[in-house]
C-alpha cells in the first residue's frame, strides 16, 4: 500500500483476496473496482487497494457476506520489459 503522506508517486497496491466457493456475477457490485476470477471451488477478488481502511472494508464485506476467507496476498508487479 502506498505510504502515508506520499506525494502520489506511489499508486495503490494490487491485492488478491481468495474466498471459498465460486461466486456468481451478482457479487460484482459488492466488490466494486475489483475483478472476480472463479475456478477450482474458489473465487479470487483481485484489484487495487488504496490504503489500510480500504483493505479492512473489503475484508469486512467478505465477512458480512458470510464468505470463508482463504488468503490475502499482495500481487507482485510484473517485471518491466527494459
PDB file of N, CA and C in Angstrom:
ATOM      1  N   UNK A   1       0.819  -1.159   0.000  1.00  0.00           N
ATOM      2  CA  UNK A   1       0.000   0.000   0.000  1.00  0.00           C
ATOM      3  C   UNK A   1       0.873   1.235   0.000  1.00  0.00           C
ATOM      4  N   UNK A   2       0.395   2.312  -0.552  1.00  0.00           N
ATOM      5  CA  UNK A   2       1.234   3.499  -0.567  1.00  0.00           C
ATOM      6  C   UNK A   2       1.383   4.034   0.852  1.00  0.00           C
ATOM      7  N   UNK A   3       2.477   4.692   1.082  1.00  0.00           N
ATOM      8  CA  UNK A   3       2.775   5.193   2.418  1.00  0.00           C
ATOM      9  C   UNK A   3       1.967   6.426   2.729  1.00  0.00           C
ATOM     10  N   UNK A   4       1.739   6.651   4.019  1.00  0.00           N
ATOM     11  CA  UNK A   4       1.028   7.861   4.454  1.00  0.00           C
ATOM     12  C   UNK A   4       1.835   9.075   4.076  1.00  0.00           C
ATOM     13  N   UNK A   5       1.153  10.109   3.660  1.00  0.00           N
ATOM     14  CA  UNK A   5       1.822  11.350   3.327  1.00  0.00           C
ATOM     15  C   UNK A   5       2.613  11.274   2.036  1.00  0.00           C
ATOM     16  N   UNK A   6       2.343  10.256   1.246  1.00  0.00           N
ATOM     17  CA  UNK A   6       3.083  10.104  -0.003  1.00  0.00           C
ATOM     18  C   UNK A   6       2.731  11.245  -0.958  1.00  0.00           C
ATOM     19  N   UNK A   7       3.643  11.561  -1.830  1.00  0.00           N
ATOM     20  CA  UNK A   7       3.419  12.655  -2.778  1.00  0.00           C
ATOM     21  C   UNK A   7       2.558  12.215  -3.950  1.00  0.00           C
ATOM     22  N   UNK A   8       2.091  10.983  -3.921  1.00  0.00           N
ATOM     23  CA  UNK A   8       1.267  10.488  -5.018  1.00  0.00           C
ATOM     24  C   UNK A   8       2.075   9.721  -6.041  1.00  0.00           C
ATOM     25  N   UNK A   9       3.391   9.628  -5.833  1.00  0.00           N
ATOM     26  CA  UNK A   9       4.239   8.911  -6.775  1.00  0.00           C
ATOM     27  C   UNK A   9       3.930   7.412  -6.750  1.00  0.00           C
ATOM     28  N   UNK A  10       3.518   6.925  -5.601  1.00  0.00           N
ATOM     29  CA  UNK A  10       3.181   5.512  -5.479  1.00  0.00           C
ATOM     30  C   UNK A  10       1.679   5.346  -5.644  1.00  0.00           C
ATOM     31  N   UNK A  11       1.271   4.357  -6.388  1.00  0.00           N
ATOM     32  CA  UNK A  11      -0.152   4.115  -6.583  1.00  0.00           C
ATOM     33  C   UNK A  11      -0.646   3.051  -5.628  1.00  0.00           C
ATOM     34  N   UNK A  12      -1.901   2.667  -5.769  1.00  0.00           N
ATOM     35  CA  UNK A  12      -2.448   1.631  -4.910  1.00  0.00           C
ATOM     36  C   UNK A  12      -1.754   0.293  -5.148  1.00  0.00           C
ATOM     37  N   UNK A  13      -1.812  -0.560  -4.159  1.00  0.00           N
ATOM     38  CA  UNK A  13      -1.263  -1.903  -4.244  1.00  0.00           C
ATOM     39  C   UNK A  13      -2.355  -2.845  -4.720  1.00  0.00           C
ATOM     40  N   UNK A  14      -2.012  -3.766  -5.602  1.00  0.00           N
ATOM     41  CA  UNK A  14      -2.990  -4.742  -6.086  1.00  0.00           C
ATOM     42  C   UNK A  14      -2.978  -5.950  -5.145  1.00  0.00           C
ATOM     43  N   UNK A  15      -4.160  -6.298  -4.661  1.00  0.00           N
ATOM     44  CA  UNK A  15      -4.315  -7.436  -3.759  1.00  0.00           C
ATOM     45  C   UNK A  15      -5.098  -8.545  -4.423  1.00  0.00           C
ATOM     46  N   UNK A  16      -4.878  -9.767  -3.937  1.00  0.00           N
ATOM     47  CA  UNK A  16      -5.638 -10.956  -4.352  1.00  0.00           C
ATOM     48  C   UNK A  16      -6.226 -11.555  -3.085  1.00  0.00           C
ATOM     49  N   UNK A  17      -7.536 -11.426  -2.936  1.00  0.00           N
ATOM     50  CA  UNK A  17      -8.258 -11.945  -1.777  1.00  0.00           C
ATOM     51  C   UNK A  17      -9.010 -13.184  -2.251  1.00  0.00           C
ATOM     52  N   UNK A  18      -8.737 -14.333  -1.638  1.00  0.00           N
ATOM     53  CA  UNK A  18      -9.349 -15.588  -2.093  1.00  0.00           C
ATOM     54  C   UNK A  18     -10.360 -16.069  -1.054  1.00  0.00           C
ATOM     55  N   UNK A  19     -11.560 -16.405  -1.549  1.00  0.00           N
ATOM     56  CA  UNK A  19     -12.621 -16.941  -0.694  1.00  0.00           C
ATOM     57  C   UNK A  19     -13.056 -18.301  -1.227  1.00  0.00           C
ATOM     58  N   UNK A  20     -13.616 -19.125  -0.316  1.00  0.00           N
ATOM     59  CA  UNK A  20     -14.114 -20.443  -0.727  1.00  0.00           C
ATOM     60  C   UNK A  20     -15.426 -20.265  -1.490  1.00  0.00           C
ATOM     61  N   UNK A  21     -15.590 -21.037  -2.550  1.00  0.00           N
ATOM     62  CA  UNK A  21     -16.808 -21.007  -3.350  1.00  0.00           C
ATOM     63  C   UNK A  21     -16.628 -20.181  -4.613  1.00  0.00           C
ATOM     64  N   UNK A  22     -17.336 -20.569  -5.646  1.00  0.00           N
ATOM     65  CA  UNK A  22     -17.279 -19.839  -6.916  1.00  0.00           C
ATOM     66  C   UNK A  22     -18.448 -18.856  -6.948  1.00  0.00           C
ATOM     67  N   UNK A  23     -18.129 -17.588  -6.704  1.00  0.00           N
ATOM     68  CA  UNK A  23     -19.156 -16.555  -6.620  1.00  0.00           C
ATOM     69  C   UNK A  23     -19.700 -16.209  -8.000  1.00  0.00           C
ATOM     70  N   UNK A  24     -21.009 -15.958  -8.051  1.00  0.00           N
ATOM     71  CA  UNK A  24     -21.633 -15.540  -9.306  1.00  0.00           C
ATOM     72  C   UNK A  24     -21.374 -14.052  -9.521  1.00  0.00           C
ATOM     73  N   UNK A  25     -21.734 -13.574 -10.699  1.00  0.00           N
ATOM     74  CA  UNK A  25     -21.527 -12.167 -11.028  1.00  0.00           C
ATOM     75  C   UNK A  25     -22.396 -11.235 -10.189  1.00  0.00           C
ATOM     76  N   UNK A  26     -23.375 -11.766  -9.475  1.00  0.00           N
ATOM     77  CA  UNK A  26     -24.204 -10.905  -8.629  1.00  0.00           C
ATOM     78  C   UNK A  26     -23.391 -10.298  -7.490  1.00  0.00           C
ATOM     79  N   UNK A  27     -22.220 -10.858  -7.203  1.00  0.00           N
ATOM     80  CA  UNK A  27     -21.344 -10.320  -6.157  1.00  0.00           C
ATOM     81  C   UNK A  27     -20.467  -9.176  -6.660  1.00  0.00           C
ATOM     82  N   UNK A  28     -20.398  -8.980  -7.958  1.00  0.00           N
ATOM     83  CA  UNK A  28     -19.533  -7.943  -8.527  1.00  0.00           C
ATOM     84  C   UNK A  28     -19.769  -6.564  -7.922  1.00  0.00           C
ATOM     85  N   UNK A  29     -21.030  -6.109  -7.761  1.00  0.00           N
ATOM     86  CA  UNK A  29     -21.232  -4.776  -7.169  1.00  0.00           C
ATOM     87  C   UNK A  29     -20.706  -4.654  -5.731  1.00  0.00           C
ATOM     88  N   UNK A  30     -20.669  -5.760  -5.004  1.00  0.00           N
ATOM     89  CA  UNK A  30     -20.184  -5.735  -3.623  1.00  0.00           C
ATOM     90  C   UNK A  30     -18.687  -5.451  -3.561  1.00  0.00           C
ATOM     91  N   UNK A  31     -17.991  -5.744  -4.653  1.00  0.00           N
ATOM     92  CA  UNK A  31     -16.543  -5.545  -4.712  1.00  0.00           C
ATOM     93  C   UNK A  31     -16.201  -4.624  -5.873  1.00  0.00           C
ATOM     94  N   UNK A  32     -16.853  -3.477  -5.909  1.00  0.00           N
ATOM     95  CA  UNK A  32     -16.681  -2.505  -6.985  1.00  0.00           C
ATOM     96  C   UNK A  32     -15.207  -2.166  -7.204  1.00  0.00           C
ATOM     97  N   UNK A  33     -14.802  -2.175  -8.468  1.00  0.00           N
ATOM     98  CA  UNK A  33     -13.421  -1.859  -8.819  1.00  0.00           C
ATOM     99  C   UNK A  33     -12.500  -3.064  -8.783  1.00  0.00           C
ATOM    100  N   UNK A  34     -13.036  -4.211  -8.366  1.00  0.00           N
ATOM    101  CA  UNK A  34     -12.249  -5.432  -8.276  1.00  0.00           C
ATOM    102  C   UNK A  34     -12.722  -6.413  -9.349  1.00  0.00           C
ATOM    103  N   UNK A  35     -11.869  -7.356  -9.700  1.00  0.00           N
ATOM    104  CA  UNK A  35     -12.198  -8.408 -10.652  1.00  0.00           C
ATOM    105  C   UNK A  35     -12.413  -9.699  -9.883  1.00  0.00           C
ATOM    106  N   UNK A  36     -13.482 -10.438 -10.220  1.00  0.00           N
ATOM    107  CA  UNK A  36     -13.737 -11.730  -9.605  1.00  0.00           C
ATOM    108  C   UNK A  36     -13.346 -12.823 -10.596  1.00  0.00           C
ATOM    109  N   UNK A  37     -12.434 -13.695 -10.170  1.00  0.00           N
ATOM    110  CA  UNK A  37     -11.981 -14.808 -11.007  1.00  0.00           C
ATOM    111  C   UNK A  37     -12.296 -16.111 -10.272  1.00  0.00           C
ATOM    112  N   UNK A  38     -13.146 -16.953 -10.874  1.00  0.00           N
ATOM    113  CA  UNK A  38     -13.565 -18.188 -10.216  1.00  0.00           C
ATOM    114  C   UNK A  38     -12.898 -19.405 -10.833  1.00  0.00           C
ATOM    115  N   UNK A  39     -12.796 -20.455 -10.034  1.00  0.00           N
ATOM    116  CA  UNK A  39     -12.261 -21.723 -10.508  1.00  0.00           C
ATOM    117  C   UNK A  39     -11.831 -22.594  -9.343  1.00  0.00           C
ATOM    118  N   UNK A  40     -11.930 -23.895  -9.534  1.00  0.00           N
ATOM    119  CA  UNK A  40     -11.484 -24.881  -8.551  1.00  0.00           C
ATOM    120  C   UNK A  40     -12.127 -24.677  -7.178  1.00  0.00           C
ATOM    121  N   UNK A  41     -13.401 -24.261  -7.178  1.00  0.00           N
ATOM    122  CA  UNK A  41     -14.127 -24.134  -5.927  1.00  0.00           C
ATOM    123  C   UNK A  41     -13.803 -22.904  -5.097  1.00  0.00           C
ATOM    124  N   UNK A  42     -13.171 -21.932  -5.730  1.00  0.00           N
ATOM    125  CA  UNK A  42     -12.863 -20.698  -5.012  1.00  0.00           C
ATOM    126  C   UNK A  42     -12.967 -19.500  -5.936  1.00  0.00           C
ATOM    127  N   UNK A  43     -12.953 -18.307  -5.334  1.00  0.00           N
ATOM    128  CA  UNK A  43     -13.004 -17.060  -6.097  1.00  0.00           C
ATOM    129  C   UNK A  43     -11.883 -16.151  -5.624  1.00  0.00           C
ATOM    130  N   UNK A  44     -11.133 -15.615  -6.579  1.00  0.00           N
ATOM    131  CA  UNK A  44     -10.107 -14.617  -6.287  1.00  0.00           C
ATOM    132  C   UNK A  44     -10.705 -13.245  -6.593  1.00  0.00           C
ATOM    133  N   UNK A  45     -10.630 -12.357  -5.623  1.00  0.00           N
ATOM    134  CA  UNK A  45     -11.093 -10.976  -5.768  1.00  0.00           C
ATOM    135  C   UNK A  45      -9.827 -10.146  -5.910  1.00  0.00           C
ATOM    136  N   UNK A  46      -9.599  -9.628  -7.111  1.00  0.00           N
ATOM    137  CA  UNK A  46      -8.316  -9.004  -7.431  1.00  0.00           C
ATOM    138  C   UNK A  46      -8.529  -7.557  -7.842  1.00  0.00           C
ATOM    139  N   UNK A  47      -7.699  -6.672  -7.293  1.00  0.00           N
ATOM    140  CA  UNK A  47      -7.792  -5.280  -7.698  1.00  0.00           C
ATOM    141  C   UNK A  47      -6.983  -4.362  -6.814  1.00  0.00           C
ATOM    142  N   UNK A  48      -6.990  -3.073  -7.168  1.00  0.00           N
ATOM    143  CA  UNK A  48      -6.214  -2.085  -6.427  1.00  0.00           C
ATOM    144  C   UNK A  48      -6.840  -1.756  -5.074  1.00  0.00           C
ATOM    145  N   UNK A  49      -5.987  -1.662  -4.063  1.00  0.00           N
ATOM    146  CA  UNK A  49      -6.412  -1.287  -2.715  1.00  0.00           C
ATOM    147  C   UNK A  49      -5.618  -0.039  -2.344  1.00  0.00           C
ATOM    148  N   UNK A  50      -6.327   1.032  -2.041  1.00  0.00           N
ATOM    149  CA  UNK A  50      -5.675   2.328  -1.856  1.00  0.00           C
ATOM    150  C   UNK A  50      -5.001   2.518  -0.508  1.00  0.00           C
ATOM    151  N   UNK A  51      -5.567   1.920   0.550  1.00  0.00           N
ATOM    152  CA  UNK A  51      -4.980   2.103   1.880  1.00  0.00           C
ATOM    153  C   UNK A  51      -5.515   1.038   2.836  1.00  0.00           C
ATOM    154  N   UNK A  52      -5.068   1.083   4.090  1.00  0.00           N
ATOM    155  CA  UNK A  52      -5.489   0.091   5.081  1.00  0.00           C
ATOM    156  C   UNK A  52      -6.998   0.106   5.301  1.00  0.00           C
ATOM    157  N   UNK A  53      -7.594   1.287   5.332  1.00  0.00           N
ATOM    158  CA  UNK A  53      -9.041   1.377   5.534  1.00  0.00           C
ATOM    159  C   UNK A  53      -9.794   0.675   4.402  1.00  0.00           C
ATOM    160  N   UNK A  54      -9.322   0.840   3.173  1.00  0.00           N
ATOM    161  CA  UNK A  54      -9.941   0.181   2.014  1.00  0.00           C
ATOM    162  C   UNK A  54      -9.821  -1.337   2.152  1.00  0.00           C
ATOM    163  N   UNK A  55      -8.637  -1.831   2.526  1.00  0.00           N
ATOM    164  CA  UNK A  55      -8.421  -3.265   2.699  1.00  0.00           C
ATOM    165  C   UNK A  55      -9.345  -3.811   3.786  1.00  0.00           C
ATOM    166  N   UNK A  56      -9.424  -3.124   4.915  1.00  0.00           N
ATOM    167  CA  UNK A  56     -10.292  -3.585   6.002  1.00  0.00           C
ATOM    168  C   UNK A  56     -11.759  -3.566   5.583  1.00  0.00           C
ATOM    169  N   UNK A  57     -12.144  -2.579   4.776  1.00  0.00           N
ATOM    170  CA  UNK A  57     -13.505  -2.532   4.260  1.00  0.00           C
ATOM    171  C   UNK A  57     -13.827  -3.741   3.393  1.00  0.00           C
ATOM    172  N   UNK A  58     -12.887  -4.118   2.533  1.00  0.00           N
ATOM    173  CA  UNK A  58     -13.088  -5.301   1.677  1.00  0.00           C
ATOM    174  C   UNK A  58     -13.190  -6.569   2.519  1.00  0.00           C
ATOM    175  N   UNK A  59     -12.317  -6.694   3.514  1.00  0.00           N
ATOM    176  CA  UNK A  59     -12.339  -7.878   4.370  1.00  0.00           C
ATOM    177  C   UNK A  59     -13.619  -7.925   5.210  1.00  0.00           C
ATOM    178  N   UNK A  60     -14.097  -6.766   5.651  1.00  0.00           N
ATOM    179  CA  UNK A  60     -15.370  -6.722   6.374  1.00  0.00           C
ATOM    180  C   UNK A  60     -16.522  -7.148   5.472  1.00  0.00           C
ATOM    181  N   UNK A  61     -16.456  -6.755   4.188  1.00  0.00           N
ATOM    182  CA  UNK A  61     -17.502  -7.134   3.234  1.00  0.00           C
ATOM    183  C   UNK A  61     -17.508  -8.647   3.050  1.00  0.00           C
ATOM    184  N   UNK A  62     -16.326  -9.249   2.957  1.00  0.00           N
ATOM    185  CA  UNK A  62     -16.229 -10.710   2.851  1.00  0.00           C
ATOM    186  C   UNK A  62     -16.930 -11.346   4.050  1.00  0.00           C
ATOM    187  N   UNK A  63     -16.637 -10.841   5.229  1.00  0.00           N
ATOM    188  CA  UNK A  63     -17.248 -11.367   6.457  1.00  0.00           C
ATOM    189  C   UNK A  63     -18.757 -11.137   6.476  1.00  0.00           C
ATOM    190  N   UNK A  64     -19.186  -9.928   6.140  1.00  0.00           N
ATOM    191  CA  UNK A  64     -20.615  -9.590   6.145  1.00  0.00           C
ATOM    192  C   UNK A  64     -21.419 -10.471   5.201  1.00  0.00           C
ATOM    193  N   UNK A  65     -20.793 -10.887   4.096  1.00  0.00           N
ATOM    194  CA  UNK A  65     -21.470 -11.746   3.116  1.00  0.00           C
ATOM    195  C   UNK A  65     -21.416 -13.227   3.518  1.00  0.00           C
ATOM    196  N   UNK A  66     -20.759 -13.520   4.641  1.00  0.00           N
ATOM    197  CA  UNK A  66     -20.684 -14.893   5.125  1.00  0.00           C
ATOM    198  C   UNK A  66     -19.738 -15.766   4.324  1.00  0.00           C
ATOM    199  N   UNK A  67     -18.756 -15.136   3.658  1.00  0.00           N
ATOM    200  CA  UNK A  67     -17.809 -15.885   2.838  1.00  0.00           C
ATOM    201  C   UNK A  67     -16.642 -16.352   3.687  1.00  0.00           C
ATOM    202  N   UNK A  68     -16.082 -17.504   3.345  1.00  0.00           N
ATOM    203  CA  UNK A  68     -14.925 -18.030   4.062  1.00  0.00           C
ATOM    204  C   UNK A  68     -13.653 -17.512   3.404  1.00  0.00           C
ATOM    205  N   UNK A  69     -12.890 -16.731   4.144  1.00  0.00           N
ATOM    206  CA  UNK A  69     -11.635 -16.163   3.654  1.00  0.00           C
ATOM    207  C   UNK A  69     -10.556 -17.234   3.657  1.00  0.00           C
ATOM    208  N   UNK A  70      -9.899 -17.428   2.507  1.00  0.00           N
ATOM    209  CA  UNK A  70      -8.818 -18.404   2.405  1.00  0.00           C
ATOM    210  C   UNK A  70      -7.443 -17.755   2.442  1.00  0.00           C
ATOM    211  N   UNK A  71      -7.289 -16.611   1.759  1.00  0.00           N
ATOM    212  CA  UNK A  71      -5.985 -15.943   1.761  1.00  0.00           C
ATOM    213  C   UNK A  71      -6.108 -14.499   1.299  1.00  0.00           C
ATOM    214  N   UNK A  72      -5.107 -13.708   1.692  1.00  0.00           N
ATOM    215  CA  UNK A  72      -4.976 -12.315   1.261  1.00  0.00           C
ATOM    216  C   UNK A  72      -3.510 -12.124   0.902  1.00  0.00           C
ATOM    217  N   UNK A  73      -3.242 -11.757  -0.341  1.00  0.00           N
ATOM    218  CA  UNK A  73      -1.858 -11.594  -0.794  1.00  0.00           C
ATOM    219  C   UNK A  73      -1.704 -10.352  -1.652  1.00  0.00           C
ATOM    220  N   UNK A  74      -0.532  -9.749  -1.550  1.00  0.00           N
ATOM    221  CA  UNK A  74      -0.163  -8.645  -2.439  1.00  0.00           C
ATOM    222  C   UNK A  74       0.286  -9.251  -3.759  1.00  0.00           C
ATOM    223  N   UNK A  75      -0.219  -8.722  -4.857  1.00  0.00           N
ATOM    224  CA  UNK A  75       0.222  -9.171  -6.183  1.00  0.00           C
ATOM    225  C   UNK A  75       1.495  -8.416  -6.532  1.00  0.00           C
ATOM    226  N   UNK A  76       2.515  -9.151  -6.890  1.00  0.00           N
ATOM    227  CA  UNK A  76       3.768  -8.515  -7.271  1.00  0.00           C
ATOM    228  C   UNK A  76       3.656  -7.937  -8.667  1.00  0.00           C
ATOM    229  N   UNK A  77       4.295  -6.810  -8.859  1.00  0.00           N
ATOM    230  CA  UNK A  77       4.294  -6.158 -10.179  1.00  0.00           C
ATOM    231  C   UNK A  77       5.030  -7.052 -11.173  1.00  0.00           C
ATOM    232  N   UNK A  78       4.533  -7.158 -12.405  1.00  0.00           N
ATOM    233  CA  UNK A  78       5.277  -7.910 -13.407  1.00  0.00           C
ATOM    234  C   UNK A  78       6.589  -7.204 -13.725  1.00  0.00           C
ATOM    235  N   UNK A  79       7.609  -7.973 -14.031  1.00  0.00           N
ATOM    236  CA  UNK A  79       8.915  -7.390 -14.366  1.00  0.00           C
ATOM    237  C   UNK A  79       8.779  -6.514 -15.604  1.00  0.00           C
ATOM    238  N   UNK A  80       9.435  -5.362 -15.576  1.00  0.00           N
ATOM    239  CA  UNK A  80       9.358  -4.459 -16.724  1.00  0.00           C
ATOM    240  C   UNK A  80      10.199  -5.019 -17.869  1.00  0.00           C
ATOM    241  N   UNK A  81       9.763  -4.749 -19.066  1.00  0.00           N
ATOM    242  CA  UNK A  81      10.497  -5.255 -20.247  1.00  0.00           C
ATOM    243  C   UNK A  81      11.428  -4.160 -20.739  1.00  0.00           C
ATOM    244  N   UNK A  82      12.560  -4.012 -20.038  1.00  0.00           N
ATOM    245  CA  UNK A  82      13.511  -2.959 -20.382  1.00  0.00           C
ATOM    246  C   UNK A  82      14.590  -3.458 -21.285  1.00  0.00           C
TER     247      UNK A  82
END
